[in-house]
């Protein structure tokens, strides 16, 4: 089973996404891991989802992590059909928030 770093560990202060991650068309299941190693700010929140797309424009949520408010590691399992193109999207909330986190995907 391949291991893919979908999002390398880095400090992030704004909401964004990883951009298109190609090459998942032959996967039928995966385990996605979110590792939050640091956070700063007043009442910071981090929401992270895994999405796929058929056309590169419209994105569909295929996996959702529990909202992060502290440093922790969590994993979710995603099964079923999904497209060849995925991305990680995150939303950062709070007052002057900063989260250091990474996302890895392990699947077949």
PDB file of N, CA and C in Angstrom:
ATOM      1  N   UNK A   1       0.843  -1.186   0.000  1.00  0.00           N
ATOM      2  CA  UNK A   1       0.000   0.000   0.000  1.00  0.00           C
ATOM      3  C   UNK A   1       0.887   1.248   0.000  1.00  0.00           C
ATOM      4  N   UNK A   2       0.614   2.176  -0.891  1.00  0.00           N
ATOM      5  CA  UNK A   2       1.423   3.397  -0.930  1.00  0.00           C
ATOM      6  C   UNK A   2       1.050   4.390   0.168  1.00  0.00           C
ATOM      7  N   UNK A   3       2.045   5.135   0.574  1.00  0.00           N
ATOM      8  CA  UNK A   3       1.872   6.224   1.529  1.00  0.00           C
ATOM      9  C   UNK A   3       2.150   7.521   0.781  1.00  0.00           C
ATOM     10  N   UNK A   4       1.203   8.462   0.837  1.00  0.00           N
ATOM     11  CA  UNK A   4       1.322   9.728   0.121  1.00  0.00           C
ATOM     12  C   UNK A   4       1.233  10.866   1.122  1.00  0.00           C
ATOM     13  N   UNK A   5       2.215  11.767   1.094  1.00  0.00           N
ATOM     14  CA  UNK A   5       2.128  12.986   1.896  1.00  0.00           C
ATOM     15  C   UNK A   5       1.285  13.975   1.100  1.00  0.00           C
ATOM     16  N   UNK A   6       0.044  14.124   1.514  1.00  0.00           N
ATOM     17  CA  UNK A   6      -0.874  15.029   0.819  1.00  0.00           C
ATOM     18  C   UNK A   6      -0.600  16.479   1.173  1.00  0.00           C
ATOM     19  N   UNK A   7      -0.121  16.691   2.405  1.00  0.00           N
ATOM     20  CA  UNK A   7       0.154  18.033   2.900  1.00  0.00           C
ATOM     21  C   UNK A   7       1.309  17.940   3.893  1.00  0.00           C
ATOM     22  N   UNK A   8       2.443  18.517   3.544  1.00  0.00           N
ATOM     23  CA  UNK A   8       3.616  18.479   4.426  1.00  0.00           C
ATOM     24  C   UNK A   8       3.389  19.358   5.647  1.00  0.00           C
ATOM     25  N   UNK A   9       4.036  19.012   6.733  1.00  0.00           N
ATOM     26  CA  UNK A   9       3.901  19.772   7.971  1.00  0.00           C
ATOM     27  C   UNK A   9       4.409  21.198   7.793  1.00  0.00           C
ATOM     28  N   UNK A  10       3.565  22.154   8.161  1.00  0.00           N
ATOM     29  CA  UNK A  10       3.911  23.573   8.081  1.00  0.00           C
ATOM     30  C   UNK A  10       2.913  24.351   8.922  1.00  0.00           C
ATOM     31  N   UNK A  11       3.315  25.548   9.336  1.00  0.00           N
ATOM     32  CA  UNK A  11       2.407  26.440  10.065  1.00  0.00           C
ATOM     33  C   UNK A  11       1.507  27.140   9.055  1.00  0.00           C
ATOM     34  N   UNK A  12       0.204  27.131   9.341  1.00  0.00           N
ATOM     35  CA  UNK A  12      -0.762  27.757   8.448  1.00  0.00           C
ATOM     36  C   UNK A  12      -1.684  28.666   9.261  1.00  0.00           C
ATOM     37  N   UNK A  13      -1.930  29.864   8.728  1.00  0.00           N
ATOM     38  CA  UNK A  13      -2.732  30.849   9.450  1.00  0.00           C
ATOM     39  C   UNK A  13      -4.018  31.219   8.713  1.00  0.00           C
ATOM     40  N   UNK A  14      -4.176  30.736   7.485  1.00  0.00           N
ATOM     41  CA  UNK A  14      -5.357  31.046   6.689  1.00  0.00           C
ATOM     42  C   UNK A  14      -5.946  29.778   6.088  1.00  0.00           C
ATOM     43  N   UNK A  15      -7.193  29.854   5.708  1.00  0.00           N
ATOM     44  CA  UNK A  15      -7.871  28.735   5.064  1.00  0.00           C
ATOM     45  C   UNK A  15      -7.376  28.595   3.627  1.00  0.00           C
ATOM     46  N   UNK A  16      -7.263  27.342   3.168  1.00  0.00           N
ATOM     47  CA  UNK A  16      -6.780  27.105   1.808  1.00  0.00           C
ATOM     48  C   UNK A  16      -6.980  25.635   1.453  1.00  0.00           C
ATOM     49  N   UNK A  17      -6.243  25.180   0.420  1.00  0.00           N
ATOM     50  CA  UNK A  17      -6.278  23.774   0.040  1.00  0.00           C
ATOM     51  C   UNK A  17      -4.933  23.372  -0.542  1.00  0.00           C
ATOM     52  N   UNK A  18      -4.750  22.064  -0.698  1.00  0.00           N
ATOM     53  CA  UNK A  18      -3.474  21.524  -1.161  1.00  0.00           C
ATOM     54  C   UNK A  18      -3.265  21.670  -2.650  1.00  0.00           C
ATOM     55  N   UNK A  19      -4.315  21.998  -3.380  1.00  0.00           N
ATOM     56  CA  UNK A  19      -4.240  21.908  -4.829  1.00  0.00           C
ATOM     57  C   UNK A  19      -4.526  20.471  -5.238  1.00  0.00           C
ATOM     58  N   UNK A  20      -4.597  20.224  -6.531  1.00  0.00           N
ATOM     59  CA  UNK A  20      -4.961  18.902  -7.034  1.00  0.00           C
ATOM     60  C   UNK A  20      -3.852  17.891  -6.765  1.00  0.00           C
ATOM     61  N   UNK A  21      -4.254  16.734  -6.230  1.00  0.00           N
ATOM     62  CA  UNK A  21      -3.348  15.613  -6.000  1.00  0.00           C
ATOM     63  C   UNK A  21      -3.805  14.476  -6.919  1.00  0.00           C
ATOM     64  N   UNK A  22      -3.092  14.206  -8.022  1.00  0.00           N
ATOM     65  CA  UNK A  22      -3.526  13.182  -8.965  1.00  0.00           C
ATOM     66  C   UNK A  22      -3.020  11.789  -8.582  1.00  0.00           C
ATOM     67  N   UNK A  23      -3.600  10.771  -9.223  1.00  0.00           N
ATOM     68  CA  UNK A  23      -3.075   9.417  -9.109  1.00  0.00           C
ATOM     69  C   UNK A  23      -3.792   8.498  -8.153  1.00  0.00           C
ATOM     70  N   UNK A  24      -5.048   8.772  -7.830  1.00  0.00           N
ATOM     71  CA  UNK A  24      -5.776   7.950  -6.863  1.00  0.00           C
ATOM     72  C   UNK A  24      -6.855   7.085  -7.511  1.00  0.00           C
ATOM     73  N   UNK A  25      -6.903   7.039  -8.831  1.00  0.00           N
ATOM     74  CA  UNK A  25      -7.947   6.319  -9.533  1.00  0.00           C
ATOM     75  C   UNK A  25      -7.984   4.830  -9.269  1.00  0.00           C
ATOM     76  N   UNK A  26      -6.850   4.216  -8.927  1.00  0.00           N
ATOM     77  CA  UNK A  26      -6.856   2.779  -8.671  1.00  0.00           C
ATOM     78  C   UNK A  26      -7.007   2.447  -7.185  1.00  0.00           C
ATOM     79  N   UNK A  27      -7.148   3.443  -6.331  1.00  0.00           N
ATOM     80  CA  UNK A  27      -7.388   3.196  -4.905  1.00  0.00           C
ATOM     81  C   UNK A  27      -8.881   2.961  -4.678  1.00  0.00           C
ATOM     82  N   UNK A  28      -9.202   2.048  -3.789  1.00  0.00           N
ATOM     83  CA  UNK A  28     -10.595   1.828  -3.426  1.00  0.00           C
ATOM     84  C   UNK A  28     -10.849   2.088  -1.948  1.00  0.00           C
ATOM     85  N   UNK A  29      -9.790   2.286  -1.218  1.00  0.00           N
ATOM     86  CA  UNK A  29      -9.909   2.613   0.210  1.00  0.00           C
ATOM     87  C   UNK A  29      -8.629   3.297   0.665  1.00  0.00           C
ATOM     88  N   UNK A  30      -8.772   4.094   1.708  1.00  0.00           N
ATOM     89  CA  UNK A  30      -7.587   4.768   2.260  1.00  0.00           C
ATOM     90  C   UNK A  30      -7.820   5.083   3.729  1.00  0.00           C
ATOM     91  N   UNK A  31      -6.713   5.262   4.417  1.00  0.00           N
ATOM     92  CA  UNK A  31      -6.718   5.812   5.763  1.00  0.00           C
ATOM     93  C   UNK A  31      -6.017   7.157   5.646  1.00  0.00           C
ATOM     94  N   UNK A  32      -6.678   8.204   6.113  1.00  0.00           N
ATOM     95  CA  UNK A  32      -6.120   9.556   6.088  1.00  0.00           C
ATOM     96  C   UNK A  32      -5.786   9.950   7.523  1.00  0.00           C
ATOM     97  N   UNK A  33      -4.601  10.506   7.708  1.00  0.00           N
ATOM     98  CA  UNK A  33      -4.175  10.917   9.050  1.00  0.00           C
ATOM     99  C   UNK A  33      -3.876  12.405   9.078  1.00  0.00           C
ATOM    100  N   UNK A  34      -4.456  13.077  10.053  1.00  0.00           N
ATOM    101  CA  UNK A  34      -4.206  14.493  10.314  1.00  0.00           C
ATOM    102  C   UNK A  34      -3.378  14.579  11.584  1.00  0.00           C
ATOM    103  N   UNK A  35      -2.204  15.179  11.479  1.00  0.00           N
ATOM    104  CA  UNK A  35      -1.334  15.348  12.648  1.00  0.00           C
ATOM    105  C   UNK A  35      -1.154  16.832  12.921  1.00  0.00           C
ATOM    106  N   UNK A  36      -1.791  17.317  13.976  1.00  0.00           N
ATOM    107  CA  UNK A  36      -1.654  18.715  14.408  1.00  0.00           C
ATOM    108  C   UNK A  36      -0.602  18.725  15.505  1.00  0.00           C
ATOM    109  N   UNK A  37       0.510  19.410  15.263  1.00  0.00           N
ATOM    110  CA  UNK A  37       1.617  19.400  16.217  1.00  0.00           C
ATOM    111  C   UNK A  37       1.757  20.688  17.020  1.00  0.00           C
ATOM    112  N   UNK A  38       1.111  21.754  16.574  1.00  0.00           N
ATOM    113  CA  UNK A  38       1.176  23.017  17.321  1.00  0.00           C
ATOM    114  C   UNK A  38       0.006  23.899  16.928  1.00  0.00           C
ATOM    115  N   UNK A  39      -0.399  24.770  17.870  1.00  0.00           N
ATOM    116  CA  UNK A  39      -1.455  25.742  17.605  1.00  0.00           C
ATOM    117  C   UNK A  39      -1.231  26.975  18.459  1.00  0.00           C
ATOM    118  N   UNK A  40      -1.643  28.106  17.928  1.00  0.00           N
ATOM    119  CA  UNK A  40      -1.529  29.383  18.624  1.00  0.00           C
ATOM    120  C   UNK A  40      -2.801  30.184  18.377  1.00  0.00           C
ATOM    121  N   UNK A  41      -3.018  31.193  19.195  1.00  0.00           N
ATOM    122  CA  UNK A  41      -4.151  32.096  18.998  1.00  0.00           C
ATOM    123  C   UNK A  41      -5.218  31.896  20.052  1.00  0.00           C
ATOM    124  N   UNK A  42      -6.201  32.781  20.015  1.00  0.00           N
ATOM    125  CA  UNK A  42      -7.328  32.714  20.939  1.00  0.00           C
ATOM    126  C   UNK A  42      -8.436  31.879  20.305  1.00  0.00           C
ATOM    127  N   UNK A  43      -8.875  30.869  20.999  1.00  0.00           N
ATOM    128  CA  UNK A  43      -9.913  29.922  20.553  1.00  0.00           C
ATOM    129  C   UNK A  43      -9.721  29.472  19.098  1.00  0.00           C
ATOM    130  N   UNK A  44      -8.533  28.942  18.765  1.00  0.00           N
ATOM    131  CA  UNK A  44      -8.295  28.506  17.386  1.00  0.00           C
ATOM    132  C   UNK A  44      -9.069  27.228  17.058  1.00  0.00           C
ATOM    133  N   UNK A  45      -9.542  27.142  15.821  1.00  0.00           N
ATOM    134  CA  UNK A  45     -10.202  25.939  15.325  1.00  0.00           C
ATOM    135  C   UNK A  45      -9.648  25.600  13.947  1.00  0.00           C
ATOM    136  N   UNK A  46      -9.603  24.311  13.659  1.00  0.00           N
ATOM    137  CA  UNK A  46      -9.128  23.834  12.365  1.00  0.00           C
ATOM    138  C   UNK A  46     -10.075  22.745  11.875  1.00  0.00           C
ATOM    139  N   UNK A  47     -10.653  22.957  10.694  1.00  0.00           N
ATOM    140  CA  UNK A  47     -11.516  21.971  10.051  1.00  0.00           C
ATOM    141  C   UNK A  47     -10.818  21.494   8.779  1.00  0.00           C
ATOM    142  N   UNK A  48     -10.672  20.174   8.631  1.00  0.00           N
ATOM    143  CA  UNK A  48      -9.959  19.602   7.488  1.00  0.00           C
ATOM    144  C   UNK A  48     -10.842  18.539   6.837  1.00  0.00           C
ATOM    145  N   UNK A  49     -10.952  18.603   5.507  1.00  0.00           N
ATOM    146  CA  UNK A  49     -11.705  17.613   4.743  1.00  0.00           C
ATOM    147  C   UNK A  49     -10.861  17.114   3.574  1.00  0.00           C
ATOM    148  N   UNK A  50     -11.189  15.904   3.120  1.00  0.00           N
ATOM    149  CA  UNK A  50     -10.614  15.334   1.899  1.00  0.00           C
ATOM    150  C   UNK A  50     -11.722  15.403   0.850  1.00  0.00           C
ATOM    151  N   UNK A  51     -11.379  15.881  -0.348  1.00  0.00           N
ATOM    152  CA  UNK A  51     -12.357  16.028  -1.416  1.00  0.00           C
ATOM    153  C   UNK A  51     -11.855  15.367  -2.696  1.00  0.00           C
ATOM    154  N   UNK A  52     -12.798  14.978  -3.563  1.00  0.00           N
ATOM    155  CA  UNK A  52     -12.439  14.525  -4.896  1.00  0.00           C
ATOM    156  C   UNK A  52     -13.210  15.353  -5.926  1.00  0.00           C
ATOM    157  N   UNK A  53     -12.813  15.210  -7.194  1.00  0.00           N
ATOM    158  CA  UNK A  53     -13.460  15.972  -8.267  1.00  0.00           C
ATOM    159  C   UNK A  53     -13.517  15.144  -9.540  1.00  0.00           C
ATOM    160  N   UNK A  54     -14.586  15.307 -10.276  1.00  0.00           N
ATOM    161  CA  UNK A  54     -14.707  14.688 -11.598  1.00  0.00           C
ATOM    162  C   UNK A  54     -14.188  15.612 -12.687  1.00  0.00           C
ATOM    163  N   UNK A  55     -14.369  16.922 -12.475  1.00  0.00           N
ATOM    164  CA  UNK A  55     -14.079  17.883 -13.538  1.00  0.00           C
ATOM    165  C   UNK A  55     -13.007  18.918 -13.203  1.00  0.00           C
ATOM    166  N   UNK A  56     -12.450  18.865 -11.991  1.00  0.00           N
ATOM    167  CA  UNK A  56     -11.433  19.838 -11.604  1.00  0.00           C
ATOM    168  C   UNK A  56     -11.993  21.158 -11.122  1.00  0.00           C
ATOM    169  N   UNK A  57     -13.322  21.312 -11.154  1.00  0.00           N
ATOM    170  CA  UNK A  57     -13.977  22.544 -10.726  1.00  0.00           C
ATOM    171  C   UNK A  57     -14.890  22.318  -9.532  1.00  0.00           C
ATOM    172  N   UNK A  58     -15.692  21.291  -9.604  1.00  0.00           N
ATOM    173  CA  UNK A  58     -16.653  20.976  -8.547  1.00  0.00           C
ATOM    174  C   UNK A  58     -16.068  19.895  -7.645  1.00  0.00           C
ATOM    175  N   UNK A  59     -15.993  20.193  -6.343  1.00  0.00           N
ATOM    176  CA  UNK A  59     -15.352  19.287  -5.385  1.00  0.00           C
ATOM    177  C   UNK A  59     -16.399  18.669  -4.465  1.00  0.00           C
ATOM    178  N   UNK A  60     -16.187  17.393  -4.134  1.00  0.00           N
ATOM    179  CA  UNK A  60     -17.096  16.617  -3.298  1.00  0.00           C
ATOM    180  C   UNK A  60     -16.357  16.154  -2.048  1.00  0.00           C
ATOM    181  N   UNK A  61     -16.919  16.364  -0.882  1.00  0.00           N
ATOM    182  CA  UNK A  61     -16.299  15.916   0.366  1.00  0.00           C
ATOM    183  C   UNK A  61     -16.451  14.396   0.469  1.00  0.00           C
ATOM    184  N   UNK A  62     -15.321  13.694   0.624  1.00  0.00           N
ATOM    185  CA  UNK A  62     -15.360  12.240   0.786  1.00  0.00           C
ATOM    186  C   UNK A  62     -14.891  11.816   2.178  1.00  0.00           C
ATOM    187  N   UNK A  63     -14.313  12.742   2.939  1.00  0.00           N
ATOM    188  CA  UNK A  63     -13.876  12.434   4.299  1.00  0.00           C
ATOM    189  C   UNK A  63     -13.740  13.707   5.114  1.00  0.00           C
ATOM    190  N   UNK A  64     -14.139  13.637   6.388  1.00  0.00           N
ATOM    191  CA  UNK A  64     -14.104  14.807   7.273  1.00  0.00           C
ATOM    192  C   UNK A  64     -13.456  14.435   8.596  1.00  0.00           C
ATOM    193  N   UNK A  65     -12.442  15.184   8.992  1.00  0.00           N
ATOM    194  CA  UNK A  65     -11.831  15.008  10.309  1.00  0.00           C
ATOM    195  C   UNK A  65     -12.643  15.761  11.355  1.00  0.00           C
ATOM    196  N   UNK A  66     -12.574  15.319  12.592  1.00  0.00           N
ATOM    197  CA  UNK A  66     -13.172  16.050  13.704  1.00  0.00           C
ATOM    198  C   UNK A  66     -12.444  17.380  13.855  1.00  0.00           C
ATOM    199  N   UNK A  67     -13.180  18.448  14.164  1.00  0.00           N
ATOM    200  CA  UNK A  67     -12.576  19.770  14.310  1.00  0.00           C
ATOM    201  C   UNK A  67     -11.445  19.718  15.343  1.00  0.00           C
ATOM    202  N   UNK A  68     -10.298  20.267  14.982  1.00  0.00           N
ATOM    203  CA  UNK A  68      -9.139  20.306  15.877  1.00  0.00           C
ATOM    204  C   UNK A  68      -9.099  21.630  16.631  1.00  0.00           C
ATOM    205  N   UNK A  69      -8.905  21.542  17.941  1.00  0.00           N
ATOM    206  CA  UNK A  69      -8.746  22.731  18.788  1.00  0.00           C
ATOM    207  C   UNK A  69      -7.501  22.605  19.656  1.00  0.00           C
ATOM    208  N   UNK A  70      -6.730  21.548  19.456  1.00  0.00           N
ATOM    209  CA  UNK A  70      -5.503  21.296  20.220  1.00  0.00           C
ATOM    210  C   UNK A  70      -4.607  20.373  19.401  1.00  0.00           C
ATOM    211  N   UNK A  71      -3.361  20.282  19.788  1.00  0.00           N
ATOM    212  CA  UNK A  71      -2.437  19.367  19.121  1.00  0.00           C
ATOM    213  C   UNK A  71      -2.888  17.929  19.372  1.00  0.00           C
ATOM    214  N   UNK A  72      -2.985  17.154  18.307  1.00  0.00           N
ATOM    215  CA  UNK A  72      -3.424  15.758  18.401  1.00  0.00           C
ATOM    216  C   UNK A  72      -3.266  15.109  17.029  1.00  0.00           C
ATOM    217  N   UNK A  73      -3.358  13.777  17.026  1.00  0.00           N
ATOM    218  CA  UNK A  73      -3.344  13.010  15.786  1.00  0.00           C
ATOM    219  C   UNK A  73      -4.670  12.272  15.686  1.00  0.00           C
ATOM    220  N   UNK A  74      -5.270  12.305  14.499  1.00  0.00           N
ATOM    221  CA  UNK A  74      -6.497  11.543  14.275  1.00  0.00           C
ATOM    222  C   UNK A  74      -6.459  10.935  12.889  1.00  0.00           C
ATOM    223  N   UNK A  75      -7.201   9.840  12.724  1.00  0.00           N
ATOM    224  CA  UNK A  75      -7.260   9.160  11.436  1.00  0.00           C
ATOM    225  C   UNK A  75      -8.710   8.859  11.087  1.00  0.00           C
ATOM    226  N   UNK A  76      -8.992   8.862   9.789  1.00  0.00           N
ATOM    227  CA  UNK A  76     -10.311   8.476   9.291  1.00  0.00           C
ATOM    228  C   UNK A  76     -10.109   7.473   8.166  1.00  0.00           C
ATOM    229  N   UNK A  77     -11.085   6.596   7.991  1.00  0.00           N
ATOM    230  CA  UNK A  77     -11.074   5.643   6.891  1.00  0.00           C
ATOM    231  C   UNK A  77     -12.061   6.092   5.832  1.00  0.00           C
ATOM    232  N   UNK A  78     -11.632   6.013   4.562  1.00  0.00           N
ATOM    233  CA  UNK A  78     -12.465   6.388   3.429  1.00  0.00           C
ATOM    234  C   UNK A  78     -12.522   5.182   2.499  1.00  0.00           C
ATOM    235  N   UNK A  79     -13.729   4.706   2.229  1.00  0.00           N
ATOM    236  CA  UNK A  79     -13.903   3.562   1.347  1.00  0.00           C
ATOM    237  C   UNK A  79     -14.909   3.900   0.263  1.00  0.00           C
ATOM    238  N   UNK A  80     -14.940   3.069  -0.747  1.00  0.00           N
ATOM    239  CA  UNK A  80     -15.864   3.299  -1.852  1.00  0.00           C
ATOM    240  C   UNK A  80     -15.154   3.888  -3.043  1.00  0.00           C
ATOM    241  N   UNK A  81     -15.920   4.308  -4.007  1.00  0.00           N
ATOM    242  CA  UNK A  81     -15.343   4.888  -5.211  1.00  0.00           C
ATOM    243  C   UNK A  81     -15.052   6.361  -5.008  1.00  0.00           C
ATOM    244  N   UNK A  82     -13.894   6.769  -5.452  1.00  0.00           N
ATOM    245  CA  UNK A  82     -13.571   8.187  -5.537  1.00  0.00           C
ATOM    246  C   UNK A  82     -12.723   8.377  -6.781  1.00  0.00           C
ATOM    247  N   UNK A  83     -12.571   9.605  -7.215  1.00  0.00           N
ATOM    248  CA  UNK A  83     -11.927   9.875  -8.499  1.00  0.00           C
ATOM    249  C   UNK A  83     -10.407   9.857  -8.380  1.00  0.00           C
ATOM    250  N   UNK A  84      -9.770  10.046  -9.512  1.00  0.00           N
ATOM    251  CA  UNK A  84      -8.313  10.058  -9.607  1.00  0.00           C
ATOM    252  C   UNK A  84      -7.703  11.301  -8.951  1.00  0.00           C
ATOM    253  N   UNK A  85      -8.503  12.371  -8.814  1.00  0.00           N
ATOM    254  CA  UNK A  85      -7.980  13.645  -8.310  1.00  0.00           C
ATOM    255  C   UNK A  85      -8.594  13.984  -6.953  1.00  0.00           C
ATOM    256  N   UNK A  86      -7.718  14.170  -5.977  1.00  0.00           N
ATOM    257  CA  UNK A  86      -8.133  14.534  -4.620  1.00  0.00           C
ATOM    258  C   UNK A  86      -7.500  15.855  -4.236  1.00  0.00           C
ATOM    259  N   UNK A  87      -7.959  16.404  -3.119  1.00  0.00           N
ATOM    260  CA  UNK A  87      -7.291  17.538  -2.492  1.00  0.00           C
ATOM    261  C   UNK A  87      -7.648  17.532  -1.011  1.00  0.00           C
ATOM    262  N   UNK A  88      -6.813  18.216  -0.232  1.00  0.00           N
ATOM    263  CA  UNK A  88      -7.077  18.461   1.180  1.00  0.00           C
ATOM    264  C   UNK A  88      -7.471  19.927   1.286  1.00  0.00           C
ATOM    265  N   UNK A  89      -8.602  20.200   1.952  1.00  0.00           N
ATOM    266  CA  UNK A  89      -9.042  21.588   2.147  1.00  0.00           C
ATOM    267  C   UNK A  89      -9.169  21.834   3.644  1.00  0.00           C
ATOM    268  N   UNK A  90      -8.719  23.001   4.098  1.00  0.00           N
ATOM    269  CA  UNK A  90      -8.802  23.322   5.520  1.00  0.00           C
ATOM    270  C   UNK A  90      -9.337  24.725   5.736  1.00  0.00           C
ATOM    271  N   UNK A  91     -10.010  24.866   6.882  1.00  0.00           N
ATOM    272  CA  UNK A  91     -10.551  26.153   7.308  1.00  0.00           C
ATOM    273  C   UNK A  91     -10.002  26.450   8.692  1.00  0.00           C
ATOM    274  N   UNK A  92      -9.347  27.594   8.819  1.00  0.00           N
ATOM    275  CA  UNK A  92      -8.750  28.030  10.081  1.00  0.00           C
ATOM    276  C   UNK A  92      -9.630  29.119  10.673  1.00  0.00           C
ATOM    277  N   UNK A  93      -9.975  28.984  11.960  1.00  0.00           N
ATOM    278  CA  UNK A  93     -10.800  29.973  12.632  1.00  0.00           C
ATOM    279  C   UNK A  93     -10.201  30.392  13.962  1.00  0.00           C
ATOM    280  N   UNK A  94     -10.739  31.455  14.532  1.00  0.00           N
ATOM    281  CA  UNK A  94     -10.260  31.970  15.809  1.00  0.00           C
ATOM    282  C   UNK A  94      -9.638  33.345  15.648  1.00  0.00           C
ATOM    283  N   UNK A  95      -9.061  33.845  16.732  1.00  0.00           N
ATOM    284  CA  UNK A  95      -8.393  35.147  16.718  1.00  0.00           C
ATOM    285  C   UNK A  95      -6.895  34.927  16.588  1.00  0.00           C
ATOM    286  N   UNK A  96      -6.315  35.460  15.512  1.00  0.00           N
ATOM    287  CA  UNK A  96      -4.898  35.270  15.150  1.00  0.00           C
ATOM    288  C   UNK A  96      -4.468  33.799  15.294  1.00  0.00           C
ATOM    289  N   UNK A  97      -5.186  32.881  14.614  1.00  0.00           N
ATOM    290  CA  UNK A  97      -4.874  31.460  14.750  1.00  0.00           C
ATOM    291  C   UNK A  97      -3.672  31.035  13.907  1.00  0.00           C
ATOM    292  N   UNK A  98      -3.009  30.007  14.365  1.00  0.00           N
ATOM    293  CA  UNK A  98      -1.944  29.354  13.617  1.00  0.00           C
ATOM    294  C   UNK A  98      -1.936  27.879  14.005  1.00  0.00           C
ATOM    295  N   UNK A  99      -1.942  27.026  13.006  1.00  0.00           N
ATOM    296  CA  UNK A  99      -1.862  25.585  13.230  1.00  0.00           C
ATOM    297  C   UNK A  99      -0.708  25.021  12.425  1.00  0.00           C
ATOM    298  N   UNK A 100       0.093  24.185  13.038  1.00  0.00           N
ATOM    299  CA  UNK A 100       1.094  23.407  12.321  1.00  0.00           C
ATOM    300  C   UNK A 100       0.522  22.005  12.182  1.00  0.00           C
ATOM    301  N   UNK A 101       0.355  21.560  10.928  1.00  0.00           N
ATOM    302  CA  UNK A 101      -0.255  20.250  10.704  1.00  0.00           C
ATOM    303  C   UNK A 101       0.178  19.644   9.393  1.00  0.00           C
ATOM    304  N   UNK A 102      -0.031  18.332   9.279  1.00  0.00           N
ATOM    305  CA  UNK A 102       0.276  17.572   8.067  1.00  0.00           C
ATOM    306  C   UNK A 102      -0.848  16.569   7.855  1.00  0.00           C
ATOM    307  N   UNK A 103      -1.002  16.142   6.582  1.00  0.00           N
ATOM    308  CA  UNK A 103      -1.967  15.105   6.239  1.00  0.00           C
ATOM    309  C   UNK A 103      -1.256  14.074   5.365  1.00  0.00           C
ATOM    310  N   UNK A 104      -1.367  12.800   5.753  1.00  0.00           N
ATOM    311  CA  UNK A 104      -0.840  11.713   4.943  1.00  0.00           C
ATOM    312  C   UNK A 104      -1.984  10.754   4.598  1.00  0.00           C
ATOM    313  N   UNK A 105      -1.862  10.114   3.440  1.00  0.00           N
ATOM    314  CA  UNK A 105      -2.854   9.168   2.956  1.00  0.00           C
ATOM    315  C   UNK A 105      -2.172   7.819   2.726  1.00  0.00           C
ATOM    316  N   UNK A 106      -2.825   6.762   3.172  1.00  0.00           N
ATOM    317  CA  UNK A 106      -2.304   5.421   3.040  1.00  0.00           C
ATOM    318  C   UNK A 106      -3.415   4.569   2.476  1.00  0.00           C
ATOM    319  N   UNK A 107      -3.191   3.973   1.287  1.00  0.00           N
ATOM    320  CA  UNK A 107      -4.300   3.246   0.719  1.00  0.00           C
ATOM    321  C   UNK A 107      -3.920   2.275  -0.363  1.00  0.00           C
ATOM    322  N   UNK A 108      -4.980   1.678  -0.939  1.00  0.00           N
ATOM    323  CA  UNK A 108      -4.801   0.779  -2.077  1.00  0.00           C
ATOM    324  C   UNK A 108      -6.070   0.701  -2.877  1.00  0.00           C
TER     325      UNK A 108
END
